[in-house]
C-alpha atoms as a PDB file:
ATOM      1  CA  UNK A   1     -66.608 -31.046  -0.508  1.00  0.00           C
ATOM      2  CA  UNK A   2     -68.587 -29.359   2.137  1.00  0.00           C
ATOM      3  CA  UNK A   3     -67.642 -25.992   4.002  1.00  0.00           C
ATOM      4  CA  UNK A   4     -67.061 -28.281   7.128  1.00  0.00           C
ATOM      5  CA  UNK A   5     -64.747 -30.339   5.524  1.00  0.00           C
ATOM      6  CA  UNK A   6     -62.656 -27.189   4.018  1.00  0.00           C
ATOM      7  CA  UNK A   7     -62.447 -25.502   7.195  1.00  0.00           C
ATOM      8  CA  UNK A   8     -61.101 -28.942   8.967  1.00  0.00           C
ATOM      9  CA  UNK A   9     -58.565 -28.936   6.020  1.00  0.00           C
ATOM     10  CA  UNK A  10     -57.363 -25.562   6.426  1.00  0.00           C
ATOM     11  CA  UNK A  11     -57.159 -25.887  10.373  1.00  0.00           C
ATOM     12  CA  UNK A  12     -55.008 -29.113   9.647  1.00  0.00           C
ATOM     13  CA  UNK A  13     -52.858 -27.305   7.202  1.00  0.00           C
ATOM     14  CA  UNK A  14     -52.375 -24.550   9.684  1.00  0.00           C
ATOM     15  CA  UNK A  15     -50.955 -27.253  12.403  1.00  0.00           C
ATOM     16  CA  UNK A  16     -48.600 -28.802  10.128  1.00  0.00           C
ATOM     17  CA  UNK A  17     -47.241 -25.576   8.796  1.00  0.00           C
ATOM     18  CA  UNK A  18     -46.867 -24.718  12.753  1.00  0.00           C
ATOM     19  CA  UNK A  19     -45.304 -28.007  13.651  1.00  0.00           C
ATOM     20  CA  UNK A  20     -42.824 -27.429  10.612  1.00  0.00           C
ATOM     21  CA  UNK A  21     -41.691 -23.834  11.602  1.00  0.00           C
ATOM     22  CA  UNK A  22     -41.106 -25.210  15.384  1.00  0.00           C
ATOM     23  CA  UNK A  23     -39.097 -28.102  13.995  1.00  0.00           C
ATOM     24  CA  UNK A  24     -37.033 -25.636  11.450  1.00  0.00           C
ATOM     25  CA  UNK A  25     -36.295 -23.145  14.680  1.00  0.00           C
ATOM     26  CA  UNK A  26     -35.271 -26.159  16.889  1.00  0.00           C
ATOM     27  CA  UNK A  27     -32.919 -27.505  13.911  1.00  0.00           C
ATOM     28  CA  UNK A  28     -31.344 -23.695  13.442  1.00  0.00           C
ATOM     29  CA  UNK A  29     -30.525 -23.439  17.203  1.00  0.00           C
ATOM     30  CA  UNK A  30     -29.153 -26.718  17.404  1.00  0.00           C
ATOM     31  CA  UNK A  31     -27.008 -26.118  14.319  1.00  0.00           C
ATOM     32  CA  UNK A  32     -25.724 -22.765  15.936  1.00  0.00           C
ATOM     33  CA  UNK A  33     -24.918 -24.073  19.394  1.00  0.00           C
ATOM     34  CA  UNK A  34     -22.990 -26.817  17.646  1.00  0.00           C
ATOM     35  CA  UNK A  35     -20.983 -24.325  15.542  1.00  0.00           C
ATOM     36  CA  UNK A  36     -20.324 -22.460  19.071  1.00  0.00           C
ATOM     37  CA  UNK A  37     -21.743 -19.212  17.811  1.00  0.00           C
ATOM     38  CA  UNK A  38     -24.147 -18.921  20.694  1.00  0.00           C
ATOM     39  CA  UNK A  39     -23.641 -20.234  24.276  1.00  0.00           C
ATOM     40  CA  UNK A  40     -26.438 -21.826  26.367  1.00  0.00           C
ATOM     41  CA  UNK A  41     -27.693 -18.455  27.723  1.00  0.00           C
ATOM     42  CA  UNK A  42     -27.779 -17.026  24.309  1.00  0.00           C
ATOM     43  CA  UNK A  43     -24.720 -15.020  24.683  1.00  0.00           C
ATOM     44  CA  UNK A  44     -22.513 -14.389  21.514  1.00  0.00           C
ATOM     45  CA  UNK A  45     -19.457 -16.769  21.581  1.00  0.00           C
ATOM     46  CA  UNK A  46     -16.591 -18.136  19.190  1.00  0.00           C
ATOM     47  CA  UNK A  47     -15.443 -16.053  16.383  1.00  0.00           C
ATOM     48  CA  UNK A  48     -18.502 -13.760  16.416  1.00  0.00           C
ATOM     49  CA  UNK A  49     -17.490 -12.664  19.694  1.00  0.00           C
ATOM     50  CA  UNK A  50     -14.550 -10.450  18.993  1.00  0.00           C
ATOM     51  CA  UNK A  51     -16.888  -8.587  16.084  1.00  0.00           C
ATOM     52  CA  UNK A  52     -19.831  -7.846  18.270  1.00  0.00           C
ATOM     53  CA  UNK A  53     -18.416  -7.426  21.550  1.00  0.00           C
ATOM     54  CA  UNK A  54     -17.203  -3.651  22.265  1.00  0.00           C
ATOM     55  CA  UNK A  55     -13.426  -3.435  23.817  1.00  0.00           C
ATOM     56  CA  UNK A  56     -12.920  -2.679  27.105  1.00  0.00           C
ATOM     57  CA  UNK A  57     -11.980   0.915  27.819  1.00  0.00           C
ATOM     58  CA  UNK A  58     -10.016   1.740  31.019  1.00  0.00           C
ATOM     59  CA  UNK A  59     -11.795   4.507  32.967  1.00  0.00           C
ATOM     60  CA  UNK A  60     -10.397   7.342  35.076  1.00  0.00           C
ATOM     61  CA  UNK A  61     -10.926   4.807  38.119  1.00  0.00           C
ATOM     62  CA  UNK A  62      -8.838   2.156  36.848  1.00  0.00           C
ATOM     63  CA  UNK A  63     -11.712  -0.043  36.214  1.00  0.00           C
ATOM     64  CA  UNK A  64     -12.127  -1.495  32.761  1.00  0.00           C
ATOM     65  CA  UNK A  65     -15.629  -0.655  30.878  1.00  0.00           C
ATOM     66  CA  UNK A  66     -17.165  -1.522  27.440  1.00  0.00           C
ATOM     67  CA  UNK A  67     -16.556   1.154  25.240  1.00  0.00           C
ATOM     68  CA  UNK A  68     -19.467   3.509  24.845  1.00  0.00           C
ATOM     69  CA  UNK A  69     -20.092   3.276  28.438  1.00  0.00           C
ATOM     70  CA  UNK A  70     -19.982   6.637  30.422  1.00  0.00           C
ATOM     71  CA  UNK A  71     -16.709   5.944  31.641  1.00  0.00           C
ATOM     72  CA  UNK A  72     -15.027   6.133  28.612  1.00  0.00           C
ATOM     73  CA  UNK A  73     -16.977   8.667  26.759  1.00  0.00           C
ATOM     74  CA  UNK A  74     -19.283  11.777  27.316  1.00  0.00           C
ATOM     75  CA  UNK A  75     -23.161  12.167  27.018  1.00  0.00           C
ATOM     76  CA  UNK A  76     -24.588  10.696  23.402  1.00  0.00           C
ATOM     77  CA  UNK A  77     -21.233   9.101  22.736  1.00  0.00           C
ATOM     78  CA  UNK A  78     -19.393  12.300  22.297  1.00  0.00           C
ATOM     79  CA  UNK A  79     -15.957  12.874  24.053  1.00  0.00           C
ATOM     80  CA  UNK A  80     -15.956  15.334  26.944  1.00  0.00           C
ATOM     81  CA  UNK A  81     -13.763  18.329  26.642  1.00  0.00           C
ATOM     82  CA  UNK A  82     -11.506  17.084  29.326  1.00  0.00           C
ATOM     83  CA  UNK A  83     -11.002  13.444  27.683  1.00  0.00           C
ATOM     84  CA  UNK A  84      -8.168  12.846  25.265  1.00  0.00           C
ATOM     85  CA  UNK A  85      -8.949  10.562  22.220  1.00  0.00           C
ATOM     86  CA  UNK A  86      -7.239   7.205  22.278  1.00  0.00           C
ATOM     87  CA  UNK A  87      -5.606   6.183  19.105  1.00  0.00           C
ATOM     88  CA  UNK A  88      -4.886   2.736  18.603  1.00  0.00           C
ATOM     89  CA  UNK A  89      -3.576   2.445  14.980  1.00  0.00           C
ATOM     90  CA  UNK A  90       0.162   2.855  15.805  1.00  0.00           C
ATOM     91  CA  UNK A  91       0.744  -0.683  15.165  1.00  0.00           C
ATOM     92  CA  UNK A  92      -1.264  -1.224  12.174  1.00  0.00           C
ATOM     93  CA  UNK A  93       0.779  -1.204   8.814  1.00  0.00           C
ATOM     94  CA  UNK A  94       0.600   1.649   6.494  1.00  0.00           C
ATOM     95  CA  UNK A  95      -1.558   0.733   3.728  1.00  0.00           C
ATOM     96  CA  UNK A  96       0.018   3.124   1.148  1.00  0.00           C
ATOM     97  CA  UNK A  97       3.380   1.174   1.838  1.00  0.00           C
ATOM     98  CA  UNK A  98       4.730  -0.889  -1.179  1.00  0.00           C
ATOM     99  CA  UNK A  99       4.609  -4.603  -0.277  1.00  0.00           C
ATOM    100  CA  UNK A 100       6.396  -5.525  -3.773  1.00  0.00           C
ATOM    101  CA  UNK A 101      10.070  -6.605  -3.652  1.00  0.00           C
ATOM    102  CA  UNK A 102      12.275  -3.592  -5.245  1.00  0.00           C
ATOM    103  CA  UNK A 103      13.163  -4.449  -8.729  1.00  0.00           C
ATOM    104  CA  UNK A 104      16.946  -5.012  -9.248  1.00  0.00           C
ATOM    105  CA  UNK A 105      19.123  -1.975  -9.966  1.00  0.00           C
ATOM    106  CA  UNK A 106      19.334  -1.408 -13.480  1.00  0.00           C
ATOM    107  CA  UNK A 107      22.706   0.070 -14.728  1.00  0.00           C
ATOM    108  CA  UNK A 108      22.946   2.250 -17.934  1.00  0.00           C
ATOM    109  CA  UNK A 109      23.897  -0.023 -21.013  1.00  0.00           C
ATOM    110  CA  UNK A 110      25.967   2.963 -22.230  1.00  0.00           C
ATOM    111  CA  UNK A 111      27.944   3.363 -18.862  1.00  0.00           C
ATOM    112  CA  UNK A 112      28.471  -0.261 -19.099  1.00  0.00           C
ATOM    113  CA  UNK A 113      29.838  -0.058 -22.462  1.00  0.00           C
ATOM    114  CA  UNK A 114      32.610   2.228 -21.673  1.00  0.00           C
ATOM    115  CA  UNK A 115      35.785  -0.004 -21.387  1.00  0.00           C
ATOM    116  CA  UNK A 116      38.249   0.764 -18.728  1.00  0.00           C
ATOM    117  CA  UNK A 117      41.084   0.787 -21.388  1.00  0.00           C
ATOM    118  CA  UNK A 118      39.609   3.202 -23.456  1.00  0.00           C
ATOM    119  CA  UNK A 119      40.469   7.064 -23.394  1.00  0.00           C
ATOM    120  CA  UNK A 120      40.485   8.666 -19.997  1.00  0.00           C
ATOM    121  CA  UNK A 121      38.891  11.754 -20.759  1.00  0.00           C
ATOM    122  CA  UNK A 122      35.584  10.255 -22.413  1.00  0.00           C
ATOM    123  CA  UNK A 123      32.774  10.525 -19.915  1.00  0.00           C
ATOM    124  CA  UNK A 124      29.758   8.440 -20.439  1.00  0.00           C
ATOM    125  CA  UNK A 125      26.748  10.271 -21.404  1.00  0.00           C
ATOM    126  CA  UNK A 126      24.277  11.214 -18.930  1.00  0.00           C
ATOM    127  CA  UNK A 127      21.118   8.958 -18.533  1.00  0.00           C
ATOM    128  CA  UNK A 128      17.865   9.800 -20.230  1.00  0.00           C
ATOM    129  CA  UNK A 129      15.225  10.009 -17.667  1.00  0.00           C
ATOM    130  CA  UNK A 130      11.666  10.914 -18.047  1.00  0.00           C
ATOM    131  CA  UNK A 131      10.006  11.884 -14.903  1.00  0.00           C
ATOM    132  CA  UNK A 132       6.566  11.405 -15.358  1.00  0.00           C
ATOM    133  CA  UNK A 133       5.264  12.110 -12.261  1.00  0.00           C
ATOM    134  CA  UNK A 134       5.982  12.867  -8.489  1.00  0.00           C
ATOM    135  CA  UNK A 135       4.334  11.153  -5.299  1.00  0.00           C
ATOM    136  CA  UNK A 136       5.170  13.781  -2.134  1.00  0.00           C
ATOM    137  CA  UNK A 137       3.808  14.012   1.061  1.00  0.00           C
ATOM    138  CA  UNK A 138       3.889  10.239   2.209  1.00  0.00           C
ATOM    139  CA  UNK A 139       6.572   8.640   4.426  1.00  0.00           C
ATOM    140  CA  UNK A 140       8.884   8.842   1.403  1.00  0.00           C
ATOM    141  CA  UNK A 141       8.861  10.840  -1.732  1.00  0.00           C
ATOM    142  CA  UNK A 142       8.680   8.795  -4.784  1.00  0.00           C
ATOM    143  CA  UNK A 143       9.062   9.613  -8.571  1.00  0.00           C
ATOM    144  CA  UNK A 144       7.781   7.780 -11.697  1.00  0.00           C
ATOM    145  CA  UNK A 145      10.483   7.631 -14.170  1.00  0.00           C
ATOM    146  CA  UNK A 146      10.515   5.904 -17.632  1.00  0.00           C
ATOM    147  CA  UNK A 147       7.242   3.981 -16.559  1.00  0.00           C
ATOM    148  CA  UNK A 148       8.728   2.492 -12.957  1.00  0.00           C
ATOM    149  CA  UNK A 149       8.386   4.066  -9.517  1.00  0.00           C
ATOM    150  CA  UNK A 150      11.705   4.859  -7.719  1.00  0.00           C
ATOM    151  CA  UNK A 151      12.551   6.277  -4.222  1.00  0.00           C
ATOM    152  CA  UNK A 152      15.550   8.068  -2.842  1.00  0.00           C
ATOM    153  CA  UNK A 153      18.578   5.988  -2.899  1.00  0.00           C
ATOM    154  CA  UNK A 154      17.619   3.879  -6.055  1.00  0.00           C
ATOM    155  CA  UNK A 155      19.771   3.438  -9.018  1.00  0.00           C
ATOM    156  CA  UNK A 156      18.491   4.046 -12.365  1.00  0.00           C
ATOM    157  CA  UNK A 157      20.479   4.274 -15.827  1.00  0.00           C
ATOM    158  CA  UNK A 158      23.802   4.386 -13.520  1.00  0.00           C
ATOM    159  CA  UNK A 159      22.733   7.320 -11.550  1.00  0.00           C
ATOM    160  CA  UNK A 160      21.786   7.279  -7.843  1.00  0.00           C
ATOM    161  CA  UNK A 161      18.473   9.464  -6.955  1.00  0.00           C
ATOM    162  CA  UNK A 162      19.561  11.836  -4.309  1.00  0.00           C
ATOM    163  CA  UNK A 163      16.457  13.739  -3.842  1.00  0.00           C
ATOM    164  CA  UNK A 164      12.895  14.387  -5.046  1.00  0.00           C
ATOM    165  CA  UNK A 165      10.969  17.312  -4.763  1.00  0.00           C
ATOM    166  CA  UNK A 166       8.560  19.658  -6.425  1.00  0.00           C
ATOM    167  CA  UNK A 167      11.415  21.163  -8.738  1.00  0.00           C
ATOM    168  CA  UNK A 168      11.816  17.425 -10.154  1.00  0.00           C
ATOM    169  CA  UNK A 169      14.263  14.477  -9.184  1.00  0.00           C
ATOM    170  CA  UNK A 170      18.083  15.144  -8.484  1.00  0.00           C
ATOM    171  CA  UNK A 171      20.314  12.273  -9.425  1.00  0.00           C
ATOM    172  CA  UNK A 172      24.181  11.985  -8.798  1.00  0.00           C
ATOM    173  CA  UNK A 173      25.879  10.589 -11.758  1.00  0.00           C
ATOM    174  CA  UNK A 174      29.663  10.355 -12.027  1.00  0.00           C
ATOM    175  CA  UNK A 175      30.027  12.618  -9.063  1.00  0.00           C
ATOM    176  CA  UNK A 176      27.996  15.380 -10.863  1.00  0.00           C
ATOM    177  CA  UNK A 177      24.439  16.601  -9.573  1.00  0.00           C
ATOM    178  CA  UNK A 178      21.854  16.725 -12.223  1.00  0.00           C
ATOM    179  CA  UNK A 179      18.047  18.072 -11.838  1.00  0.00           C
ATOM    180  CA  UNK A 180      15.530  16.274 -13.970  1.00  0.00           C
ATOM    181  CA  UNK A 181      12.256  18.552 -13.972  1.00  0.00           C
ATOM    182  CA  UNK A 182       8.797  17.005 -14.032  1.00  0.00           C
ATOM    183  CA  UNK A 183       7.607  16.228 -17.636  1.00  0.00           C
ATOM    184  CA  UNK A 184      10.710  17.187 -19.393  1.00  0.00           C
ATOM    185  CA  UNK A 185      11.858  15.588 -22.568  1.00  0.00           C
ATOM    186  CA  UNK A 186      14.092  13.250 -20.576  1.00  0.00           C
ATOM    187  CA  UNK A 187      17.063  15.657 -20.679  1.00  0.00           C
ATOM    188  CA  UNK A 188      18.293  17.431 -17.509  1.00  0.00           C
ATOM    189  CA  UNK A 189      17.665  21.161 -17.095  1.00  0.00           C
ATOM    190  CA  UNK A 190      19.741  23.658 -19.029  1.00  0.00           C
ATOM    191  CA  UNK A 191      22.531  24.755 -16.719  1.00  0.00           C
ATOM    192  CA  UNK A 192      22.003  21.926 -14.460  1.00  0.00           C
ATOM    193  CA  UNK A 193      25.143  20.017 -13.281  1.00  0.00           C
END
């Protein structure tokens, strides 16, 4: 094959590649329009429009302007000293909120085993609760007791949790207030109750 034939073959290959690239671009454009991702003028439409279009922010003059314009923020995207930030997360759910159903209250087997026809002066034993940890500072304090998570008002071992604080967990059992400190052996503090 001569040098002239090789040059003609290379030019033909370049034309074929250019034609295939053009066909690919046309097919891609038609597919995107069919999916309604891009409108006829090249503007974003459909499901992507919400993701890439900035929300409109009402300016002091009352007209709506896209976020990021001088009507909503100062220079370089920083709020001016007189501008108040607009927080919009009040309606969003708390990501730390427990969405799982609460377990059914578990009564103490010892308290249930005491019969009504037994001696009147026999008190059921205090529940054995091992407070393993506390979660404070959220919308509601929680405690990890006997490998389960409980909050104020929950029942455990026949006792109702009335307070959770730095000192530990306070429960009410048979009209008596008992404090279980964190990390204790499962017995209440000496002198508590």
